């Protein structure tokens, strides 16, 4: 399948016509192309292009006639997989061909995983026995319930040209204005995602924020979407119809949200999907009911070691949103309040990994302001487009391009020995059972747990760190499972987004230290090979247990040899973090320090210094020679003058 798109894309829509032999496929295509009934047609027609101005959407169609024989099913299957829509034919005068739709053709389409919408078409309507008349609705009700990929059923006659153009109009409409994203077949109403999109549109149109669209606001909505104003009598008629069906759909001010939903549901049930899609696309939605990329101007990063952060304007907006939602003024948001925040988004982005459980919450599961802002910072770091989309969904009305800023390159920060970043990402490495997860949980204020659960996928924790009671930075810890390190290091840019690399080991376990030391060596080597040299820190965890002297001494020796600070001893069980999070942030704020120096890097540094000294010496010698030559020339001139 080519994929969903809107009429504005102006691409060709491919329609594959399939069905039993003799049901009228080729004749249907020929009649559509020539606007007449052909006396004879070949078994399979070549691809037939219809003009773009045939239908109001002005999108050209290519009709693909397919063979019915078993021998040519390979070619047919390939066309089905490429199709944007499928016209599935049966003969109205042959009941067996209709039965074959549910026993053969529709199961075959599912087997091929064809995702294109299906139009069931009864051909040869003029040949049906008048004594076997049956309504199309009663004939197709069961098959449409069983196979929800069928969007429309229609009967036609190529001989009389009855409803032949309608067949391909329905196919085009199913592609440009698809039903599935809008209609929930189980609930027989609008999908949850469609209701969420309409709620956002309603809020945007309710300019005075009184919970209803008055006549002026309704007119502005109508003009924006359809370039035509509503007459006063039309507004009265709409509100009258709504009030009869949905009593709370209209109040003294105007059309309420339930009424707004009813109007669009009414359009959908009447088959006017194009009307609903016109509204949705005017407000920036694509066929997945998400904002289109052209509505999301995310700034581009020119280097892998750059990052994207929220601007002060965006942070102030989020602060205001938090205060608005915190109706009980307890400085926390309940889960229901967070869900209400995202009820104008396709779904709540924080209900799934990696955002779920990545921010500070109370014992009751309420999120604090720090946790709220940290969650947004994490989403902006990992998926700027998703973050910007959700900012807009929840009501950010500023310039979208001003919501984010691109940070300077980390390599440049190290040269300048400073950084202006407000969000720091720290990679947490270590062996199994070393205490990595406990480090993340402690950052979020969670109590220590003796229940060990091995980490199999990357986890994140984000929180605000206060420095000297004045400066506030957001620290994001990214836990790397031991088994995932080879996969991580296979990416040349894996350390580009890392501000600090932390290596955790169990201070009571020599094996844990050896494993963490091995991880440290591999990461340092990767940084030297790729140029993404990263500040490093070693953490000796579980200090409440009996530390192993050999591991303690060796870890101190290794850090000394690498020129980084001595290991930080912590015990999350006893609540003794040794101020480790502030130390991580301090290391990130001084990106030129705590960078390990191996023997290889020292040699390179010495070679570089020697090379620079040699250049200075050569330049100095050249200047001395030039000066001596100049003196000799002046002396010669002086002697010549005297003579």
Foldseek 3Di string as FASTA:
>chain_A
DQDFFALVVQEEAEEEEDFAQPQCRQQLVVCVQVVAGDPDDDQFDDWDKDAQPPDPSSHIYIYGYDHHDPVRVVVVLVSLQVHQEYEYEGELQDVVRVVCCVVPVLVVCVVSVRQHAYEYEHEPPVPHDPVPDDDPCVVCVVVCVVRVSHDYYYYAYSNVRRCSVVRVVVSVCCRNQNCVQFADPVVRFGDLLLLLQLVLVQCVLPVVPPQAQAQVSVQVLCCLLPVDGDDPVRQVVLQVVLCVVPVVQADPRGGGSVSSRVVVRVCVVVVNSVSSVSSQVSVQQTPNSFHDVVLAPEDDDPDLLKFKFFDPVLLVVLVVVQVVLPVVPPQWHDPVSQQVLCSNPSGRPQPDPQNPPQFAADPNRTGGSQRSNFSLRVCCGPPVRVSLRSSVSSPDPPDSHNGMDMFDFLLVCLVVQFGPDQEAEEEEAFAWPLCRVLVQCVQNVHADDPDDDADDDKYKHKGWDDDPNPRIGIYIYIYDYLVCVVVLLVDLSSLSHHLEYEFTGAQQDQVRLVSSVVVVVVVLVSCVVSVNFHAYAYAHEPVVDDGDVVSQVVQQVVLVQFQADGYHYAYSNVPGPVCVVVVRVVCSRRGNHNGGDDPVNVVVVVVVVVVVVVVVVVVVVVVVVVVVVVVVVVVVVVVVVVD
